[in-house]
Amino acid sequence: MNYAKEVFRSSLSRSKLNSASNVPKGHFAVYIGDNRRRFVIPISFLKHSSFQALLSRAEEEFGFDHPMGGLTIPCHEDTFITVTSQLNCL
């Protein structure tokens, strides 16, 4: 979980997502895919191993240093939706 928290903190330090983008308390925004589609997801997802694995794979392949700010996960939207749908069922 420390890895996911560090990625999240690093992303927030580059942009003020929670205060500027109408993100509800207890949630955060991520941008997915080439089109940077925005999703708002619960912070609790950070503790799940499947979400952490998604973050790790995305970092290994693409890195997280994006000039536009925000946490960008450059994976396919279908992959992201599958992982987060499974987490919503827990």
PDB file of N, CA and C in Angstrom:
ATOM      1  N   MET A   1       0.818  -1.192   0.000  1.00  0.00           N
ATOM      2  CA  MET A   1       0.000   0.000   0.000  1.00  0.00           C
ATOM      3  C   MET A   1       0.864   1.259   0.000  1.00  0.00           C
ATOM      4  N   ASN A   2       2.059   1.199   0.543  1.00  0.00           N
ATOM      5  CA  ASN A   2       2.915   2.377   0.562  1.00  0.00           C
ATOM      6  C   ASN A   2       3.224   2.855  -0.837  1.00  0.00           C
ATOM      7  N   TYR A   3       3.417   1.931  -1.766  1.00  0.00           N
ATOM      8  CA  TYR A   3       3.717   2.292  -3.150  1.00  0.00           C
ATOM      9  C   TYR A   3       2.562   3.102  -3.744  1.00  0.00           C
ATOM     10  N   ALA A   4       1.351   2.628  -3.589  1.00  0.00           N
ATOM     11  CA  ALA A   4       0.189   3.317  -4.139  1.00  0.00           C
ATOM     12  C   ALA A   4       0.017   4.684  -3.497  1.00  0.00           C
ATOM     13  N   LYS A   5       0.239   4.788  -2.198  1.00  0.00           N
ATOM     14  CA  LYS A   5       0.126   6.081  -1.526  1.00  0.00           C
ATOM     15  C   LYS A   5       1.160   7.064  -2.062  1.00  0.00           C
ATOM     16  N   GLU A   6       2.381   6.576  -2.297  1.00  0.00           N
ATOM     17  CA  GLU A   6       3.436   7.453  -2.799  1.00  0.00           C
ATOM     18  C   GLU A   6       3.096   7.971  -4.197  1.00  0.00           C
ATOM     19  N   VAL A   7       2.588   7.103  -5.056  1.00  0.00           N
ATOM     20  CA  VAL A   7       2.182   7.521  -6.392  1.00  0.00           C
ATOM     21  C   VAL A   7       1.087   8.570  -6.299  1.00  0.00           C
ATOM     22  N   PHE A   8       0.120   8.333  -5.437  1.00  0.00           N
ATOM     23  CA  PHE A   8      -0.988   9.259  -5.269  1.00  0.00           C
ATOM     24  C   PHE A   8      -0.502  10.608  -4.735  1.00  0.00           C
ATOM     25  N   ARG A   9       0.337  10.595  -3.714  1.00  0.00           N
ATOM     26  CA  ARG A   9       0.857  11.846  -3.158  1.00  0.00           C
ATOM     27  C   ARG A   9       1.667  12.609  -4.193  1.00  0.00           C
ATOM     28  N   SER A  10       2.497  11.899  -4.941  1.00  0.00           N
ATOM     29  CA  SER A  10       3.307  12.538  -5.969  1.00  0.00           C
ATOM     30  C   SER A  10       2.426  13.215  -7.000  1.00  0.00           C
ATOM     31  N   SER A  11       1.362  12.536  -7.386  1.00  0.00           N
ATOM     32  CA  SER A  11       0.447  13.092  -8.368  1.00  0.00           C
ATOM     33  C   SER A  11      -0.252  14.330  -7.826  1.00  0.00           C
ATOM     34  N   LEU A  12      -0.698  14.284  -6.589  1.00  0.00           N
ATOM     35  CA  LEU A  12      -1.396  15.421  -6.002  1.00  0.00           C
ATOM     36  C   LEU A  12      -0.469  16.616  -5.807  1.00  0.00           C
ATOM     37  N   SER A  13       0.804  16.352  -5.583  1.00  0.00           N
ATOM     38  CA  SER A  13       1.712  17.472  -5.402  1.00  0.00           C
ATOM     39  C   SER A  13       1.903  18.247  -6.702  1.00  0.00           C
ATOM     40  N   ARG A  14       1.691  17.600  -7.846  1.00  0.00           N
ATOM     41  CA  ARG A  14       1.827  18.272  -9.139  1.00  0.00           C
ATOM     42  C   ARG A  14       0.543  18.978  -9.546  1.00  0.00           C
ATOM     43  N   SER A  15      -0.583  18.620  -8.980  1.00  0.00           N
ATOM     44  CA  SER A  15      -1.835  19.298  -9.317  1.00  0.00           C
ATOM     45  C   SER A  15      -2.743  19.322  -8.100  1.00  0.00           C
ATOM     46  N   LYS A  16      -3.670  20.210  -8.078  1.00  0.00           N
ATOM     47  CA  LYS A  16      -4.591  20.365  -6.954  1.00  0.00           C
ATOM     48  C   LYS A  16      -5.947  19.776  -7.319  1.00  0.00           C
ATOM     49  N   LEU A  17      -5.966  18.484  -7.611  1.00  0.00           N
ATOM     50  CA  LEU A  17      -7.193  17.847  -8.090  1.00  0.00           C
ATOM     51  C   LEU A  17      -8.361  17.983  -7.128  1.00  0.00           C
ATOM     52  N   ASN A  18      -8.134  17.687  -5.854  1.00  0.00           N
ATOM     53  CA  ASN A  18      -9.247  17.662  -4.917  1.00  0.00           C
ATOM     54  C   ASN A  18      -9.874  19.028  -4.717  1.00  0.00           C
ATOM     55  N   SER A  19      -9.106  20.084  -4.760  1.00  0.00           N
ATOM     56  CA  SER A  19      -9.683  21.393  -4.509  1.00  0.00           C
ATOM     57  C   SER A  19     -10.205  22.058  -5.774  1.00  0.00           C
ATOM     58  N   ALA A  20      -9.725  21.672  -6.933  1.00  0.00           N
ATOM     59  CA  ALA A  20     -10.061  22.406  -8.153  1.00  0.00           C
ATOM     60  C   ALA A  20     -11.025  21.688  -9.079  1.00  0.00           C
ATOM     61  N   SER A  21     -11.304  20.433  -8.849  1.00  0.00           N
ATOM     62  CA  SER A  21     -12.045  19.682  -9.860  1.00  0.00           C
ATOM     63  C   SER A  21     -13.308  19.014  -9.346  1.00  0.00           C
ATOM     64  N   ASN A  22     -13.872  19.501  -8.256  1.00  0.00           N
ATOM     65  CA  ASN A  22     -15.102  18.924  -7.735  1.00  0.00           C
ATOM     66  C   ASN A  22     -14.983  17.428  -7.468  1.00  0.00           C
ATOM     67  N   VAL A  23     -13.909  17.026  -6.822  1.00  0.00           N
ATOM     68  CA  VAL A  23     -13.730  15.637  -6.448  1.00  0.00           C
ATOM     69  C   VAL A  23     -14.271  15.472  -5.039  1.00  0.00           C
ATOM     70  N   PRO A  24     -15.237  14.562  -4.843  1.00  0.00           N
ATOM     71  CA  PRO A  24     -15.813  14.379  -3.504  1.00  0.00           C
ATOM     72  C   PRO A  24     -14.766  13.913  -2.494  1.00  0.00           C
ATOM     73  N   LYS A  25     -14.970  14.255  -1.265  1.00  0.00           N
ATOM     74  CA  LYS A  25     -14.083  13.815  -0.197  1.00  0.00           C
ATOM     75  C   LYS A  25     -14.010  12.290  -0.208  1.00  0.00           C
ATOM     76  N   GLY A  26     -12.800  11.769  -0.054  1.00  0.00           N
ATOM     77  CA  GLY A  26     -12.606  10.323  -0.038  1.00  0.00           C
ATOM     78  C   GLY A  26     -12.427   9.720  -1.421  1.00  0.00           C
ATOM     79  N   HIS A  27     -12.305  10.551  -2.427  1.00  0.00           N
ATOM     80  CA  HIS A  27     -12.135  10.106  -3.807  1.00  0.00           C
ATOM     81  C   HIS A  27     -10.969  10.840  -4.458  1.00  0.00           C
ATOM     82  N   PHE A  28     -10.540  10.375  -5.609  1.00  0.00           N
ATOM     83  CA  PHE A  28      -9.549  11.092  -6.382  1.00  0.00           C
ATOM     84  C   PHE A  28      -9.789  10.838  -7.860  1.00  0.00           C
ATOM     85  N   ALA A  29      -9.281  11.746  -8.661  1.00  0.00           N
ATOM     86  CA  ALA A  29      -9.461  11.647 -10.104  1.00  0.00           C
ATOM     87  C   ALA A  29      -8.244  10.990 -10.740  1.00  0.00           C
ATOM     88  N   VAL A  30      -8.494  10.142 -11.710  1.00  0.00           N
ATOM     89  CA  VAL A  30      -7.439   9.568 -12.539  1.00  0.00           C
ATOM     90  C   VAL A  30      -7.836   9.779 -13.984  1.00  0.00           C
ATOM     91  N   TYR A  31      -6.843   9.816 -14.825  1.00  0.00           N
ATOM     92  CA  TYR A  31      -7.063   9.985 -16.257  1.00  0.00           C
ATOM     93  C   TYR A  31      -6.550   8.739 -16.948  1.00  0.00           C
ATOM     94  N   ILE A  32      -7.396   8.158 -17.796  1.00  0.00           N
ATOM     95  CA  ILE A  32      -7.120   6.842 -18.359  1.00  0.00           C
ATOM     96  C   ILE A  32      -6.996   6.923 -19.878  1.00  0.00           C
ATOM     97  N   GLY A  33      -6.004   6.212 -20.388  1.00  0.00           N
ATOM     98  CA  GLY A  33      -5.869   6.025 -21.833  1.00  0.00           C
ATOM     99  C   GLY A  33      -5.341   7.232 -22.586  1.00  0.00           C
ATOM    100  N   ASP A  34      -5.247   7.058 -23.884  1.00  0.00           N
ATOM    101  CA  ASP A  34      -4.733   8.102 -24.771  1.00  0.00           C
ATOM    102  C   ASP A  34      -5.619   9.341 -24.770  1.00  0.00           C
ATOM    103  N   ASN A  35      -6.911   9.155 -24.592  1.00  0.00           N
ATOM    104  CA  ASN A  35      -7.846  10.288 -24.589  1.00  0.00           C
ATOM    105  C   ASN A  35      -7.962  10.952 -23.229  1.00  0.00           C
ATOM    106  N   ARG A  36      -7.274  10.392 -22.243  1.00  0.00           N
ATOM    107  CA  ARG A  36      -7.288  10.925 -20.874  1.00  0.00           C
ATOM    108  C   ARG A  36      -8.717  11.100 -20.339  1.00  0.00           C
ATOM    109  N   ARG A  37      -9.496  10.051 -20.467  1.00  0.00           N
ATOM    110  CA  ARG A  37     -10.849  10.087 -19.914  1.00  0.00           C
ATOM    111  C   ARG A  37     -10.751  10.111 -18.391  1.00  0.00           C
ATOM    112  N   ARG A  38     -11.502  10.998 -17.773  1.00  0.00           N
ATOM    113  CA  ARG A  38     -11.444  11.209 -16.329  1.00  0.00           C
ATOM    114  C   ARG A  38     -12.403  10.280 -15.602  1.00  0.00           C
ATOM    115  N   PHE A  39     -11.891   9.634 -14.560  1.00  0.00           N
ATOM    116  CA  PHE A  39     -12.687   8.806 -13.666  1.00  0.00           C
ATOM    117  C   PHE A  39     -12.435   9.296 -12.247  1.00  0.00           C
ATOM    118  N   VAL A  40     -13.471   9.339 -11.439  1.00  0.00           N
ATOM    119  CA  VAL A  40     -13.339   9.667 -10.022  1.00  0.00           C
ATOM    120  C   VAL A  40     -13.610   8.382  -9.257  1.00  0.00           C
ATOM    121  N   ILE A  41     -12.615   7.977  -8.481  1.00  0.00           N
ATOM    122  CA  ILE A  41     -12.700   6.685  -7.794  1.00  0.00           C
ATOM    123  C   ILE A  41     -12.396   6.854  -6.315  1.00  0.00           C
ATOM    124  N   PRO A  42     -12.873   5.920  -5.488  1.00  0.00           N
ATOM    125  CA  PRO A  42     -12.624   6.006  -4.044  1.00  0.00           C
ATOM    126  C   PRO A  42     -11.146   5.795  -3.714  1.00  0.00           C
ATOM    127  N   ILE A  43     -10.665   6.508  -2.727  1.00  0.00           N
ATOM    128  CA  ILE A  43      -9.293   6.330  -2.265  1.00  0.00           C
ATOM    129  C   ILE A  43      -9.078   4.902  -1.767  1.00  0.00           C
ATOM    130  N   SER A  44     -10.122   4.265  -1.302  1.00  0.00           N
ATOM    131  CA  SER A  44     -10.002   2.895  -0.786  1.00  0.00           C
ATOM    132  C   SER A  44      -9.462   1.919  -1.834  1.00  0.00           C
ATOM    133  N   PHE A  45      -9.581   2.256  -3.122  1.00  0.00           N
ATOM    134  CA  PHE A  45      -9.040   1.390  -4.173  1.00  0.00           C
ATOM    135  C   PHE A  45      -7.528   1.233  -4.043  1.00  0.00           C
ATOM    136  N   LEU A  46      -6.849   2.213  -3.441  1.00  0.00           N
ATOM    137  CA  LEU A  46      -5.399   2.160  -3.314  1.00  0.00           C
ATOM    138  C   LEU A  46      -4.915   0.985  -2.480  1.00  0.00           C
ATOM    139  N   LYS A  47      -5.776   0.469  -1.608  1.00  0.00           N
ATOM    140  CA  LYS A  47      -5.350  -0.639  -0.743  1.00  0.00           C
ATOM    141  C   LYS A  47      -5.481  -2.007  -1.411  1.00  0.00           C
ATOM    142  N   HIS A  48      -6.131  -2.097  -2.539  1.00  0.00           N
ATOM    143  CA  HIS A  48      -6.366  -3.372  -3.203  1.00  0.00           C
ATOM    144  C   HIS A  48      -5.202  -3.755  -4.104  1.00  0.00           C
ATOM    145  N   SER A  49      -4.804  -4.992  -3.992  1.00  0.00           N
ATOM    146  CA  SER A  49      -3.639  -5.468  -4.744  1.00  0.00           C
ATOM    147  C   SER A  49      -3.843  -5.390  -6.256  1.00  0.00           C
ATOM    148  N   SER A  50      -5.054  -5.599  -6.732  1.00  0.00           N
ATOM    149  CA  SER A  50      -5.279  -5.536  -8.185  1.00  0.00           C
ATOM    150  C   SER A  50      -5.110  -4.114  -8.709  1.00  0.00           C
ATOM    151  N   PHE A  51      -5.530  -3.104  -7.942  1.00  0.00           N
ATOM    152  CA  PHE A  51      -5.335  -1.715  -8.352  1.00  0.00           C
ATOM    153  C   PHE A  51      -3.864  -1.343  -8.255  1.00  0.00           C
ATOM    154  N   GLN A  52      -3.182  -1.798  -7.222  1.00  0.00           N
ATOM    155  CA  GLN A  52      -1.753  -1.554  -7.085  1.00  0.00           C
ATOM    156  C   GLN A  52      -0.981  -2.186  -8.236  1.00  0.00           C
ATOM    157  N   ALA A  53      -1.405  -3.373  -8.662  1.00  0.00           N
ATOM    158  CA  ALA A  53      -0.752  -4.030  -9.800  1.00  0.00           C
ATOM    159  C   ALA A  53      -0.951  -3.212 -11.073  1.00  0.00           C
ATOM    160  N   LEU A  54      -2.134  -2.658 -11.259  1.00  0.00           N
ATOM    161  CA  LEU A  54      -2.404  -1.810 -12.414  1.00  0.00           C
ATOM    162  C   LEU A  54      -1.497  -0.586 -12.396  1.00  0.00           C
ATOM    163  N   LEU A  55      -1.334   0.040 -11.237  1.00  0.00           N
ATOM    164  CA  LEU A  55      -0.437   1.188 -11.110  1.00  0.00           C
ATOM    165  C   LEU A  55       1.007   0.801 -11.406  1.00  0.00           C
ATOM    166  N   SER A  56       1.417  -0.333 -10.887  1.00  0.00           N
ATOM    167  CA  SER A  56       2.800  -0.787 -11.109  1.00  0.00           C
ATOM    168  C   SER A  56       3.079  -1.052 -12.574  1.00  0.00           C
ATOM    169  N   ARG A  57       2.166  -1.755 -13.226  1.00  0.00           N
ATOM    170  CA  ARG A  57       2.357  -2.044 -14.659  1.00  0.00           C
ATOM    171  C   ARG A  57       2.376  -0.768 -15.485  1.00  0.00           C
ATOM    172  N   ALA A  58       1.504   0.152 -15.145  1.00  0.00           N
ATOM    173  CA  ALA A  58       1.472   1.416 -15.884  1.00  0.00           C
ATOM    174  C   ALA A  58       2.764   2.198 -15.682  1.00  0.00           C
ATOM    175  N   GLU A  59       3.273   2.211 -14.456  1.00  0.00           N
ATOM    176  CA  GLU A  59       4.522   2.937 -14.200  1.00  0.00           C
ATOM    177  C   GLU A  59       5.694   2.293 -14.924  1.00  0.00           C
ATOM    178  N   GLU A  60       5.772   0.954 -14.877  1.00  0.00           N
ATOM    179  CA  GLU A  60       6.870   0.260 -15.544  1.00  0.00           C
ATOM    180  C   GLU A  60       6.888   0.536 -17.041  1.00  0.00           C
ATOM    181  N   GLU A  61       5.712   0.543 -17.632  1.00  0.00           N
ATOM    182  CA  GLU A  61       5.633   0.701 -19.080  1.00  0.00           C
ATOM    183  C   GLU A  61       5.691   2.151 -19.528  1.00  0.00           C
ATOM    184  N   PHE A  62       5.043   3.046 -18.789  1.00  0.00           N
ATOM    185  CA  PHE A  62       4.883   4.420 -19.256  1.00  0.00           C
ATOM    186  C   PHE A  62       5.421   5.479 -18.303  1.00  0.00           C
ATOM    187  N   GLY A  63       5.558   5.182 -17.023  1.00  0.00           N
ATOM    188  CA  GLY A  63       5.940   6.191 -16.051  1.00  0.00           C
ATOM    189  C   GLY A  63       4.740   7.044 -15.668  1.00  0.00           C
ATOM    190  N   PHE A  64       4.901   7.878 -14.654  1.00  0.00           N
ATOM    191  CA  PHE A  64       3.806   8.719 -14.171  1.00  0.00           C
ATOM    192  C   PHE A  64       4.098  10.195 -14.301  1.00  0.00           C
ATOM    193  N   ASP A  65       5.204  10.580 -14.895  1.00  0.00           N
ATOM    194  CA  ASP A  65       5.570  11.988 -14.991  1.00  0.00           C
ATOM    195  C   ASP A  65       4.900  12.610 -16.200  1.00  0.00           C
ATOM    196  N   HIS A  66       3.731  13.174 -15.996  1.00  0.00           N
ATOM    197  CA  HIS A  66       2.967  13.766 -17.081  1.00  0.00           C
ATOM    198  C   HIS A  66       2.827  15.261 -16.848  1.00  0.00           C
ATOM    199  N   PRO A  67       3.153  16.077 -17.836  1.00  0.00           N
ATOM    200  CA  PRO A  67       3.162  17.522 -17.646  1.00  0.00           C
ATOM    201  C   PRO A  67       1.797  18.140 -17.360  1.00  0.00           C
ATOM    202  N   MET A  68       0.713  17.485 -17.725  1.00  0.00           N
ATOM    203  CA  MET A  68      -0.613  18.056 -17.515  1.00  0.00           C
ATOM    204  C   MET A  68      -1.099  17.868 -16.078  1.00  0.00           C
ATOM    205  N   GLY A  69      -0.363  17.144 -15.273  1.00  0.00           N
ATOM    206  CA  GLY A  69      -0.762  16.913 -13.890  1.00  0.00           C
ATOM    207  C   GLY A  69      -1.825  15.840 -13.784  1.00  0.00           C
ATOM    208  N   GLY A  70      -2.176  15.507 -12.577  1.00  0.00           N
ATOM    209  CA  GLY A  70      -3.151  14.448 -12.355  1.00  0.00           C
ATOM    210  C   GLY A  70      -2.496  13.096 -12.467  1.00  0.00           C
ATOM    211  N   LEU A  71      -3.137  12.111 -11.924  1.00  0.00           N
ATOM    212  CA  LEU A  71      -2.647  10.741 -12.009  1.00  0.00           C
ATOM    213  C   LEU A  71      -3.146  10.167 -13.322  1.00  0.00           C
ATOM    214  N   THR A  72      -2.237   9.946 -14.242  1.00  0.00           N
ATOM    215  CA  THR A  72      -2.588   9.401 -15.548  1.00  0.00           C
ATOM    216  C   THR A  72      -2.154   7.948 -15.598  1.00  0.00           C
ATOM    217  N   ILE A  73      -3.081   7.075 -15.929  1.00  0.00           N
ATOM    218  CA  ILE A  73      -2.783   5.656 -16.087  1.00  0.00           C
ATOM    219  C   ILE A  73      -3.011   5.324 -17.554  1.00  0.00           C
ATOM    220  N   PRO A  74      -1.930   5.190 -18.318  1.00  0.00           N
ATOM    221  CA  PRO A  74      -2.076   4.994 -19.763  1.00  0.00           C
ATOM    222  C   PRO A  74      -2.339   3.539 -20.125  1.00  0.00           C
ATOM    223  N   CYS A  75      -3.453   3.018 -19.641  1.00  0.00           N
ATOM    224  CA  CYS A  75      -3.861   1.671 -20.012  1.00  0.00           C
ATOM    225  C   CYS A  75      -5.155   1.786 -20.815  1.00  0.00           C
ATOM    226  N   HIS A  76      -5.608   0.682 -21.320  1.00  0.00           N
ATOM    227  CA  HIS A  76      -6.873   0.689 -22.047  1.00  0.00           C
ATOM    228  C   HIS A  76      -8.019   0.922 -21.060  1.00  0.00           C
ATOM    229  N   GLU A  77      -8.991   1.697 -21.485  1.00  0.00           N
ATOM    230  CA  GLU A  77     -10.150   1.964 -20.622  1.00  0.00           C
ATOM    231  C   GLU A  77     -10.834   0.678 -20.192  1.00  0.00           C
ATOM    232  N   ASP A  78     -10.928  -0.289 -21.098  1.00  0.00           N
ATOM    233  CA  ASP A  78     -11.577  -1.561 -20.765  1.00  0.00           C
ATOM    234  C   ASP A  78     -10.879  -2.258 -19.602  1.00  0.00           C
ATOM    235  N   THR A  79      -9.555  -2.228 -19.590  1.00  0.00           N
ATOM    236  CA  THR A  79      -8.791  -2.841 -18.505  1.00  0.00           C
ATOM    237  C   THR A  79      -9.086  -2.134 -17.196  1.00  0.00           C
ATOM    238  N   PHE A  80      -9.058  -0.813 -17.220  1.00  0.00           N
ATOM    239  CA  PHE A  80      -9.323  -0.030 -16.016  1.00  0.00           C
ATOM    240  C   PHE A  80     -10.736  -0.292 -15.499  1.00  0.00           C
ATOM    241  N   ILE A  81     -11.697  -0.298 -16.369  1.00  0.00           N
ATOM    242  CA  ILE A  81     -13.097  -0.526 -15.971  1.00  0.00           C
ATOM    243  C   ILE A  81     -13.264  -1.915 -15.396  1.00  0.00           C
ATOM    244  N   THR A  82     -12.605  -2.900 -15.977  1.00  0.00           N
ATOM    245  CA  THR A  82     -12.693  -4.273 -15.446  1.00  0.00           C
ATOM    246  C   THR A  82     -12.148  -4.345 -14.029  1.00  0.00           C
ATOM    247  N   VAL A  83     -10.966  -3.762 -13.816  1.00  0.00           N
ATOM    248  CA  VAL A  83     -10.343  -3.797 -12.482  1.00  0.00           C
ATOM    249  C   VAL A  83     -11.217  -3.053 -11.479  1.00  0.00           C
ATOM    250  N   THR A  84     -11.643  -1.852 -11.798  1.00  0.00           N
ATOM    251  CA  THR A  84     -12.418  -1.076 -10.834  1.00  0.00           C
ATOM    252  C   THR A  84     -13.807  -1.657 -10.600  1.00  0.00           C
ATOM    253  N   SER A  85     -14.391  -2.285 -11.617  1.00  0.00           N
ATOM    254  CA  SER A  85     -15.699  -2.945 -11.421  1.00  0.00           C
ATOM    255  C   SER A  85     -15.578  -4.081 -10.421  1.00  0.00           C
ATOM    256  N   GLN A  86     -14.480  -4.831 -10.504  1.00  0.00           N
ATOM    257  CA  GLN A  86     -14.276  -5.911  -9.562  1.00  0.00           C
ATOM    258  C   GLN A  86     -14.099  -5.369  -8.144  1.00  0.00           C
ATOM    259  N   LEU A  87     -13.421  -4.239  -8.016  1.00  0.00           N
ATOM    260  CA  LEU A  87     -13.220  -3.640  -6.694  1.00  0.00           C
ATOM    261  C   LEU A  87     -14.530  -3.102  -6.122  1.00  0.00           C
ATOM    262  N   ASN A  88     -15.406  -2.605  -6.973  1.00  0.00           N
ATOM    263  CA  ASN A  88     -16.701  -2.114  -6.506  1.00  0.00           C
ATOM    264  C   ASN A  88     -17.558  -3.225  -5.924  1.00  0.00           C
ATOM    265  N   CYS A  89     -17.301  -4.457  -6.341  1.00  0.00           N
ATOM    266  CA  CYS A  89     -18.091  -5.600  -5.853  1.00  0.00           C
ATOM    267  C   CYS A  89     -17.597  -6.126  -4.518  1.00  0.00           C
ATOM    268  N   LEU A  90     -16.435  -5.663  -4.064  1.00  0.00           N
ATOM    269  CA  LEU A  90     -15.866  -6.166  -2.800  1.00  0.00           C
ATOM    270  C   LEU A  90     -16.503  -5.516  -1.607  1.00  0.00           C
TER     271      LEU A  90
END
